[in-house]
Amino acid sequence: MKLFAVALLFLTSVILIVSLFYIITNTRHKERMALMEKNLDPKSYLIDQFIPQTLRAGMLLVGIGLGFLIALLLDEYILTSIDNPSIYAGSVLLFGGLGLLLFYRINNKKHNN
């Protein structure tokens, strides 16, 4: 029974990944075709749209990583007598939010110039 559950989980994961890849590829193709029909350059449009999303995701992930690191350091070295798992949640949310705020400031400066 466990083997069947593992196989079903693996099969479902593969189907999910393949279907998401197909949907993303198909949507991107339709978007490019629509831009070409309007005589617009799809490369410049998609690159301008892609860079802020990547920067935002990267800064969020760096903030989350810093949050985990700070929480680990607090838990191991500073707050050794307190066993409180909310330190991790609080620091991850705090540093993730700071990463997004930093992205907002960088993106605003770029659009103002």
Protein backbone atom coordinates (compact mmCIF):
# COMPACT_ATOMS: atom_id res chain seq x y z
CA MET A 1 0.00 0.00 0.00
CA LYS A 2 2.86 2.41 0.77
CA LEU A 3 4.45 1.70 -2.60
CA PHE A 4 1.18 2.58 -4.33
CA ALA A 5 0.93 5.85 -2.40
CA VAL A 6 4.51 6.80 -3.26
CA ALA A 7 3.98 5.93 -6.93
CA LEU A 8 0.75 7.91 -7.02
CA LEU A 9 2.44 10.91 -5.40
CA PHE A 10 5.33 10.75 -7.86
CA LEU A 11 3.00 10.40 -10.85
CA THR A 12 0.85 13.31 -9.70
CA SER A 13 3.92 15.48 -9.19
CA VAL A 14 5.22 14.71 -12.68
CA ILE A 15 1.84 15.42 -14.26
CA LEU A 16 1.59 18.71 -12.36
CA ILE A 17 5.07 19.86 -13.42
CA VAL A 18 4.54 18.92 -17.07
CA SER A 19 1.13 20.60 -17.21
CA LEU A 20 2.47 23.79 -15.62
CA PHE A 21 5.35 23.87 -18.08
CA TYR A 22 2.89 23.43 -20.97
CA ILE A 23 0.58 26.18 -19.71
CA ILE A 24 3.45 28.64 -19.19
CA THR A 25 4.96 27.89 -22.61
CA ASN A 26 1.61 28.11 -24.38
CA THR A 27 0.72 31.41 -22.68
CA ARG A 28 4.11 32.91 -23.52
CA HIS A 29 3.69 31.87 -27.16
CA LYS A 30 0.23 33.44 -27.39
CA GLU A 31 1.55 36.63 -25.80
CA ARG A 32 4.39 36.87 -28.30
CA MET A 33 2.06 36.26 -31.23
CA ALA A 34 -0.28 39.01 -30.02
CA LEU A 35 2.65 41.43 -29.74
CA MET A 36 3.83 40.54 -33.25
CA GLU A 37 0.34 41.14 -34.64
CA LYS A 38 0.45 44.66 -33.20
CA ASN A 39 3.89 45.22 -34.78
CA LEU A 40 5.63 45.45 -31.40
CA ASP A 41 9.00 43.94 -30.55
CA PRO A 42 8.31 41.03 -28.16
CA LYS A 43 11.91 40.87 -26.88
CA SER A 44 12.01 44.37 -25.41
CA TYR A 45 8.52 44.10 -23.93
CA LEU A 46 9.11 40.76 -22.23
CA ILE A 47 12.55 41.69 -20.87
CA ASP A 48 11.21 44.90 -19.30
CA GLN A 49 8.45 42.87 -17.67
CA PHE A 50 10.69 39.98 -16.58
CA ILE A 51 13.50 41.83 -14.76
CA PRO A 52 11.39 43.43 -11.97
CA GLN A 53 9.66 40.11 -11.23
CA THR A 54 12.98 38.33 -10.95
CA LEU A 55 14.46 41.07 -8.78
CA ARG A 56 11.43 41.01 -6.48
CA ALA A 57 11.54 37.23 -6.10
CA GLY A 58 15.29 37.28 -5.52
CA MET A 59 15.11 39.98 -2.88
CA LEU A 60 12.24 38.19 -1.14
CA LEU A 61 14.19 34.92 -1.05
CA VAL A 62 17.33 36.67 0.22
CA GLY A 63 15.23 38.30 2.95
CA ILE A 64 13.73 34.94 3.93
CA GLY A 65 17.18 33.37 4.03
CA LEU A 66 18.49 36.20 6.21
CA GLY A 67 15.47 35.78 8.45
CA PHE A 68 16.21 32.09 8.96
CA LEU A 69 19.88 32.85 9.61
CA ILE A 70 19.13 35.57 12.17
CA ALA A 71 16.53 33.36 13.87
CA LEU A 72 19.01 30.50 14.08
CA LEU A 73 21.68 32.77 15.54
CA LEU A 74 19.21 34.20 18.05
CA ASP A 75 17.97 30.76 19.01
CA GLU A 76 21.41 29.18 19.40
CA TYR A 77 23.52 31.94 20.93
CA ILE A 78 21.44 34.75 22.42
CA LEU A 79 18.08 33.33 23.54
CA THR A 80 19.30 29.92 24.71
CA SER A 81 17.00 29.67 27.71
CA ILE A 82 13.83 30.46 25.75
CA ASP A 83 12.39 27.75 23.50
CA ASN A 84 10.08 29.79 21.30
CA PRO A 85 9.48 28.76 17.67
CA SER A 86 7.82 32.09 16.89
CA ILE A 87 11.32 33.60 16.61
CA TYR A 88 11.66 31.86 13.24
CA ALA A 89 8.30 32.99 11.91
CA GLY A 90 8.76 36.55 13.07
CA SER A 91 12.25 37.00 11.69
CA VAL A 92 11.40 35.35 8.36
CA LEU A 93 8.39 37.63 7.89
CA LEU A 94 10.33 40.68 9.05
CA PHE A 95 13.30 40.17 6.74
CA GLY A 96 11.10 39.04 3.83
CA GLY A 97 9.12 42.25 4.20
CA LEU A 98 12.32 44.30 4.40
CA GLY A 99 13.49 42.66 1.17
CA LEU A 100 10.24 43.63 -0.55
CA LEU A 101 10.48 47.20 0.77
CA LEU A 102 14.03 47.44 -0.55
CA PHE A 103 12.81 46.18 -3.93
CA TYR A 104 10.08 48.84 -3.92
CA ARG A 105 12.63 51.60 -3.28
CA ILE A 106 14.98 50.33 -6.00
CA ASN A 107 12.13 50.00 -8.49
CA ASN A 108 10.83 53.51 -7.67
CA LYS A 109 14.27 55.05 -8.21
CA LYS A 110 14.56 53.26 -11.54
CA HIS A 111 11.17 54.52 -12.76
CA ASN A 112 11.78 58.08 -11.53
CA ASN A 113 15.07 58.34 -13.47
